[in-house]
Amino acid sequence: MGGNAIEIEGLTKTYAASGSQPPKQALKGVDLDIPAGSIFGLLGPNGAGKSTLINILAGLVLKTGGKVRIWGFDQDVNPRQSRASIGVMPQELNIDPFFTPRAALEVQAGLYGVPKSQRITDRVLKAIGLEDKADAYARNLSGGMRRRLLLGKALVHRPQVLVLDEPTAGVDIELRQMLWANIRRLNEEQGTTIILTTHYLEEAEQMCEEIAIINHGEVIARDSTAALVGRMDAKTLVVHPEDPVTTLPAMPRGVESCQRRDGALCFTYRRKHISTGAVIEAVRDAGITIRDIATEEPDLEDVFVELTSSKGAA
């Protein structure tokens, strides 16, 4: 399928008042298209509305207003088809401790109406690395194995769209690498659209082609990962002097200077206004001999902090 895997228009969700708590508007007219076949990041601070959005996509929460189409199926017109088009790996480890992985996958497939002749339980067990634990009780699985089983449950009905809600939270590096290898394989070999929420921004920067940042129930930024990082014009020049420096050199206006514990001098500036050459020249004019020099570029975490903090301040 070309075009978009997910199309969201004017999506709103207001939770009713509860006790002394007033009504809460979790989503405020979200518009978002997610291209088919992409690995898409959905980021935002706690309470931003990510979980509400995911639960609406999964059919677990009823929206207040707006339109949602999954793989071309309107949630209001074709609820069964839209729900069958998406699989969700939740953040919570909600696994029946008395089921084996094989039984858990079989039950999940049955809930989606997958006929026994069309089930892919063994294939999923192999993909998630639980072949040798297929008949062990889930209560005896490690935390990492349980998280893999959650991924397997999301895959039993072969969804075109897979949502991963904090999939690597609390797992070790080896499991994280294995999980992402499986996800990349799904995306590259089967064209599965992946939607990722994560607090590991480095992970999002490495995995996602496009990213949307949501805050206070609104999408405040959406672009390619490279373009989002490119919005940050700041650059830091790190100078390691040949001899110890006790006084920071005078710099052109707009350059912030500091000295690190190892003696390195740091100069942060906006590339649009000041060139790197001008900063280096100012260092040399101060009589400082440069032993080594390096630059530090902004990353996705810098973009995230700047966007969400400025939005919150507004």
Protein backbone atom coordinates (compact mmCIF):
# COMPACT_ATOMS: atom_id res chain seq x y z
CA MET A 1 0.00 0.00 0.00
CA GLY A 2 1.34 3.42 -0.93
CA GLY A 3 0.37 6.65 0.77
CA ASN A 4 -0.36 6.66 4.48
CA ALA A 5 -0.77 3.81 6.92
CA ILE A 6 -2.40 6.11 9.51
CA GLU A 7 -4.44 9.25 8.85
CA ILE A 8 -5.64 11.31 11.82
CA GLU A 9 -7.76 14.44 11.42
CA GLY A 10 -8.89 16.77 14.22
CA LEU A 11 -8.62 14.04 16.87
CA THR A 12 -9.87 15.09 20.30
CA LYS A 13 -10.33 13.26 23.56
CA THR A 14 -11.81 14.69 26.74
CA TYR A 15 -12.01 12.56 29.86
CA ALA A 16 -15.08 13.21 32.00
CA ALA A 17 -14.83 14.75 35.43
CA SER A 18 -14.12 12.27 38.22
CA GLY A 19 -14.75 13.14 41.85
CA SER A 20 -13.00 16.42 42.54
CA GLN A 21 -11.07 16.22 39.27
CA PRO A 22 -12.41 18.45 36.47
CA PRO A 23 -12.74 17.20 32.88
CA LYS A 24 -9.39 16.74 31.18
CA GLN A 25 -8.76 17.36 27.49
CA ALA A 26 -6.02 14.87 26.61
CA LEU A 27 -5.98 15.50 22.84
CA LYS A 28 -6.72 18.87 21.24
CA GLY A 29 -7.39 18.46 17.54
CA VAL A 30 -4.45 16.27 16.51
CA ASP A 31 -3.72 16.07 12.77
CA LEU A 32 -1.14 13.44 11.81
CA ASP A 33 -0.35 11.29 8.78
CA ILE A 34 2.08 8.37 9.07
CA PRO A 35 3.51 7.05 5.78
CA ALA A 36 3.08 3.37 4.99
CA GLY A 37 6.27 1.34 5.35
CA SER A 38 8.02 3.88 7.59
CA ILE A 39 9.50 3.68 11.08
CA PHE A 40 7.84 6.64 12.75
CA GLY A 41 8.62 8.09 16.17
CA LEU A 42 5.92 9.53 18.43
CA LEU A 43 7.63 11.40 21.25
CA GLY A 44 6.50 13.54 24.13
CA PRO A 45 6.88 14.02 27.89
CA ASN A 46 4.76 12.09 30.38
CA GLY A 47 1.14 13.21 30.23
CA ALA A 48 1.52 14.68 26.74
CA GLY A 49 -1.24 12.50 25.22
CA LYS A 50 0.82 9.73 23.59
CA SER A 51 -0.85 6.87 25.45
CA THR A 52 -4.32 8.24 24.76
CA LEU A 53 -3.51 8.50 21.06
CA ILE A 54 -2.16 4.94 20.94
CA ASN A 55 -5.14 3.55 22.84
CA ILE A 56 -7.52 5.26 20.41
CA LEU A 57 -5.65 3.72 17.47
CA ALA A 58 -5.88 0.30 19.15
CA GLY A 59 -9.61 0.70 19.75
CA LEU A 60 -9.19 0.62 23.54
CA VAL A 61 -10.30 4.23 24.11
CA LEU A 62 -13.20 5.98 22.38
CA LYS A 63 -12.33 9.32 20.84
CA THR A 64 -14.40 12.42 21.54
CA GLY A 65 -14.13 13.78 18.01
CA GLY A 66 -12.19 13.67 14.78
CA LYS A 67 -11.35 11.00 12.21
CA VAL A 68 -8.98 8.02 12.36
CA ARG A 69 -8.16 5.83 9.36
CA ILE A 70 -5.89 2.80 9.71
CA TRP A 71 -4.66 1.20 6.49
CA GLY A 72 -7.48 3.01 4.69
CA PHE A 73 -10.24 1.81 7.05
CA ASP A 74 -12.24 4.47 8.88
CA GLN A 75 -12.59 3.52 12.55
CA ASP A 76 -16.20 4.67 12.59
CA VAL A 77 -17.22 2.92 9.36
CA ASN A 78 -15.06 -0.24 9.45
CA PRO A 79 -14.07 -0.76 13.11
CA ARG A 80 -13.20 -4.47 12.75
CA GLN A 81 -10.98 -3.96 9.70
CA SER A 82 -9.20 -0.97 11.22
CA ARG A 83 -8.53 -2.87 14.43
CA ALA A 84 -7.29 -5.92 12.53
CA SER A 85 -4.81 -3.72 10.65
CA ILE A 86 -2.91 -2.71 13.77
CA GLY A 87 -0.97 -4.56 16.46
CA VAL A 88 0.10 -2.93 19.73
CA MET A 89 2.96 -3.97 21.98
CA PRO A 90 1.97 -2.29 25.27
CA GLN A 91 4.32 -0.85 27.83
CA GLU A 92 2.78 -2.86 30.69
CA LEU A 93 3.72 -6.52 31.14
CA ASN A 94 0.13 -7.81 31.02
CA ILE A 95 0.72 -11.54 30.55
CA ASP A 96 -1.28 -14.41 32.04
CA PRO A 97 1.24 -16.24 34.25
CA PHE A 98 -0.49 -19.61 33.76
CA PHE A 99 -0.25 -19.57 29.95
CA THR A 100 2.72 -20.83 28.01
CA PRO A 101 4.02 -18.58 25.21
CA ARG A 102 2.53 -20.95 22.66
CA ALA A 103 -0.87 -20.89 24.36
CA ALA A 104 -0.78 -17.12 24.77
CA LEU A 105 -0.12 -16.64 21.05
CA GLU A 106 -2.82 -19.14 20.11
CA VAL A 107 -5.40 -17.39 22.31
CA GLN A 108 -4.43 -14.00 20.92
CA ALA A 109 -4.78 -15.27 17.36
CA GLY A 110 -8.19 -16.67 18.23
CA LEU A 111 -9.30 -13.30 19.63
CA TYR A 112 -8.45 -11.76 16.26
CA GLY A 113 -10.41 -14.47 14.47
CA VAL A 114 -7.39 -16.05 12.77
CA PRO A 115 -8.36 -19.61 11.64
CA LYS A 116 -6.14 -22.39 13.02
CA SER A 117 -4.97 -23.26 9.52
CA GLN A 118 -3.66 -19.71 9.04
CA ARG A 119 -1.94 -19.21 12.39
CA ILE A 120 1.78 -18.49 12.47
CA THR A 121 2.51 -19.32 16.10
CA ASP A 122 5.73 -21.25 15.47
CA ARG A 123 7.02 -18.58 13.10
CA VAL A 124 6.35 -15.85 15.66
CA LEU A 125 8.00 -17.87 18.46
CA LYS A 126 11.11 -18.20 16.32
CA ALA A 127 11.10 -14.52 15.39
CA ILE A 128 10.98 -13.42 19.03
CA GLY A 129 13.52 -16.00 20.21
CA LEU A 130 11.18 -18.05 22.42
CA GLU A 131 11.23 -21.36 20.56
CA ASP A 132 12.94 -23.12 23.45
CA LYS A 133 10.49 -21.59 25.94
CA ALA A 134 7.35 -22.24 23.91
CA ASP A 135 5.86 -24.61 26.48
CA ALA A 136 7.16 -23.04 29.68
CA TYR A 137 4.76 -21.17 31.94
CA ALA A 138 4.92 -17.40 31.41
CA ARG A 139 5.41 -16.90 35.15
CA ASN A 140 8.82 -18.58 34.80
CA LEU A 141 10.00 -16.26 32.02
CA SER A 142 12.44 -13.44 32.67
CA GLY A 143 11.31 -9.84 32.27
CA GLY A 144 13.02 -9.61 28.90
CA MET A 145 11.35 -12.80 27.68
CA ARG A 146 7.96 -11.51 28.76
CA ARG A 147 8.56 -8.34 26.80
CA ARG A 148 9.39 -10.44 23.74
CA LEU A 149 6.16 -12.34 24.26
CA LEU A 150 4.26 -9.05 24.20
CA LEU A 151 5.80 -8.38 20.80
CA GLY A 152 4.74 -11.82 19.64
CA LYS A 153 1.14 -11.24 20.74
CA ALA A 154 1.08 -8.05 18.67
CA LEU A 155 2.22 -9.97 15.58
CA VAL A 156 -0.07 -13.04 15.55
CA HIS A 157 -2.62 -11.52 13.15
CA ARG A 158 0.05 -10.15 10.78
CA PRO A 159 -0.88 -6.46 11.16
CA GLN A 160 0.21 -3.91 8.58
CA VAL A 161 0.88 -1.40 11.38
CA LEU A 162 2.79 -2.21 14.56
CA VAL A 163 2.81 0.16 17.54
CA LEU A 164 5.65 -0.24 20.05
CA ASP A 165 4.96 1.60 23.31
CA GLU A 166 8.27 1.97 25.18
CA PRO A 167 9.40 -1.48 23.94
CA THR A 168 12.89 -1.40 25.48
CA ALA A 169 12.04 0.09 28.86
CA GLY A 170 13.98 -1.78 31.52
CA VAL A 171 15.64 -4.31 29.21
CA ASP A 172 19.34 -5.02 28.83
CA ILE A 173 21.46 -4.00 25.86
CA GLU A 174 21.54 -7.48 24.30
CA LEU A 175 17.76 -7.80 24.32
CA ARG A 176 17.38 -4.26 23.00
CA GLN A 177 19.63 -5.03 20.04
CA MET A 178 17.78 -8.29 19.34
CA LEU A 179 14.43 -6.54 19.50
CA TRP A 180 15.49 -3.82 17.08
CA ALA A 181 16.97 -6.37 14.67
CA ASN A 182 13.55 -8.07 14.56
CA ILE A 183 11.77 -4.76 14.09
CA ARG A 184 14.04 -3.73 11.22
CA ARG A 185 13.49 -7.12 9.61
CA LEU A 186 9.71 -6.72 9.84
CA ASN A 187 9.95 -3.28 8.29
CA GLU A 188 12.38 -4.18 5.50
CA GLU A 189 11.12 -7.64 4.54
CA GLN A 190 7.38 -7.31 5.11
CA GLY A 191 6.93 -3.56 4.79
CA THR A 192 5.34 -3.31 8.23
CA THR A 193 4.78 0.27 9.35
CA ILE A 194 6.34 0.78 12.79
CA ILE A 195 5.20 3.46 15.25
CA LEU A 196 7.57 3.87 18.17
CA THR A 197 7.20 5.71 21.43
CA THR A 198 10.30 5.84 23.58
CA HIS A 199 12.06 7.91 26.22
CA TYR A 200 15.42 6.84 24.78
CA LEU A 201 15.85 9.71 22.35
CA GLU A 202 19.11 8.33 21.00
CA GLU A 203 17.18 5.20 20.07
CA ALA A 204 14.53 7.24 18.25
CA GLU A 205 17.20 9.20 16.40
CA GLN A 206 18.84 5.99 15.17
CA MET A 207 15.65 4.09 14.29
CA CYS A 208 13.09 6.60 13.04
CA GLU A 209 12.89 8.20 9.62
CA GLU A 210 10.28 10.72 10.75
CA ILE A 211 9.24 11.97 14.16
CA ALA A 212 6.28 13.81 15.65
CA ILE A 213 6.55 15.48 19.05
CA ILE A 214 3.36 15.82 21.04
CA ASN A 215 2.92 18.01 24.10
CA HIS A 216 -0.18 19.08 26.04
CA GLY A 217 -2.35 17.11 23.62
CA GLU A 218 -1.06 18.84 20.49
CA VAL A 219 1.49 17.98 17.82
CA ILE A 220 4.09 20.71 18.20
CA ALA A 221 6.58 19.41 15.63
CA ARG A 222 6.62 16.84 12.85
CA ASP A 223 9.43 16.36 10.34
CA SER A 224 12.16 14.02 9.22
CA THR A 225 14.59 13.20 12.01
CA ALA A 226 17.43 14.94 10.18
CA ALA A 227 15.35 18.09 9.64
CA LEU A 228 14.29 18.24 13.29
CA VAL A 229 17.88 17.98 14.46
CA GLY A 230 18.81 20.58 11.84
CA ARG A 231 16.47 23.08 13.48
CA MET A 232 18.99 23.45 16.25
CA ASP A 233 21.44 26.03 14.98
CA ALA A 234 23.71 25.85 18.02
CA LYS A 235 27.19 24.42 17.69
CA THR A 236 29.88 23.89 20.33
CA LEU A 237 33.58 24.17 19.58
CA VAL A 238 35.74 22.27 22.09
CA VAL A 239 39.36 23.47 22.26
CA HIS A 240 42.05 21.55 24.14
CA PRO A 241 44.88 24.05 24.83
CA GLU A 242 48.53 23.04 24.80
CA ASP A 243 49.05 24.72 28.19
CA PRO A 244 46.60 25.26 31.08
CA VAL A 245 44.38 28.33 30.70
CA THR A 246 43.27 30.31 33.77
CA THR A 247 41.27 33.04 32.01
CA LEU A 248 38.70 32.54 29.27
CA PRO A 249 39.58 34.45 26.10
CA ALA A 250 37.44 37.35 24.87
CA MET A 251 34.94 36.16 22.28
CA PRO A 252 32.74 37.83 19.66
CA ARG A 253 29.29 38.82 20.88
CA GLY A 254 26.90 35.87 20.98
CA VAL A 255 29.49 33.24 21.94
CA GLU A 256 29.03 31.50 25.29
CA SER A 257 32.29 30.33 26.88
CA CYS A 258 33.07 27.86 29.64
CA GLN A 259 35.90 25.63 30.83
CA ARG A 260 35.42 21.94 31.58
CA ARG A 261 37.04 20.03 34.41
CA ASP A 262 39.65 18.52 32.07
CA GLY A 263 40.78 22.03 31.07
CA ALA A 264 39.05 22.04 27.69
CA LEU A 265 37.53 25.35 26.56
CA CYS A 266 33.99 25.26 25.14
CA PHE A 267 32.47 27.90 22.90
CA THR A 268 28.80 27.64 21.95
CA TYR A 269 27.42 29.84 19.19
CA ARG A 270 24.81 30.11 16.42
CA ARG A 271 26.19 29.10 13.06
CA LYS A 272 23.97 31.59 11.25
CA HIS A 273 25.59 34.49 13.08
CA ILE A 274 29.18 33.47 13.79
CA SER A 275 31.58 31.28 11.85
CA THR A 276 33.76 28.61 13.39
CA GLY A 277 36.76 30.38 11.92
CA ALA A 278 35.98 33.56 13.87
CA VAL A 279 35.89 31.60 17.14
CA ILE A 280 39.21 29.88 16.40
CA GLU A 281 40.76 33.21 15.46
CA ALA A 282 39.66 34.72 18.79
CA VAL A 283 41.27 31.81 20.63
CA ARG A 284 44.56 32.33 18.80
CA ASP A 285 44.42 36.12 19.31
CA ALA A 286 44.32 35.41 23.05
CA GLY A 287 47.71 33.70 22.72
CA ILE A 288 46.35 30.19 23.28
CA THR A 289 48.12 27.36 21.43
CA ILE A 290 45.59 24.75 20.31
CA ARG A 291 46.61 21.13 20.95
CA ASP A 292 43.37 19.57 19.71
CA ILE A 293 39.98 20.76 18.54
CA ALA A 294 36.54 19.17 18.08
CA THR A 295 32.94 20.19 17.45
CA GLU A 296 29.73 18.99 19.08
CA GLU A 297 26.46 19.03 17.15
CA PRO A 298 22.97 19.05 18.67
CA ASP A 299 21.04 15.80 18.86
CA LEU A 300 17.37 14.86 19.11
CA GLU A 301 17.41 15.27 22.89
CA ASP A 302 18.36 18.93 22.49
CA VAL A 303 15.48 19.44 20.03
CA PHE A 304 13.03 17.63 22.31
CA VAL A 305 13.98 19.63 25.40
CA GLU A 306 13.85 22.96 23.54
CA LEU A 307 10.45 22.28 21.96
CA THR A 308 8.69 20.83 24.99
CA SER A 309 10.10 23.31 27.49
CA SER A 310 9.23 26.32 25.35
CA LYS A 311 5.74 24.97 24.75
CA GLY A 312 5.27 24.35 28.45
CA ALA A 313 6.43 27.86 29.25
CA ALA A 314 3.86 29.28 26.88
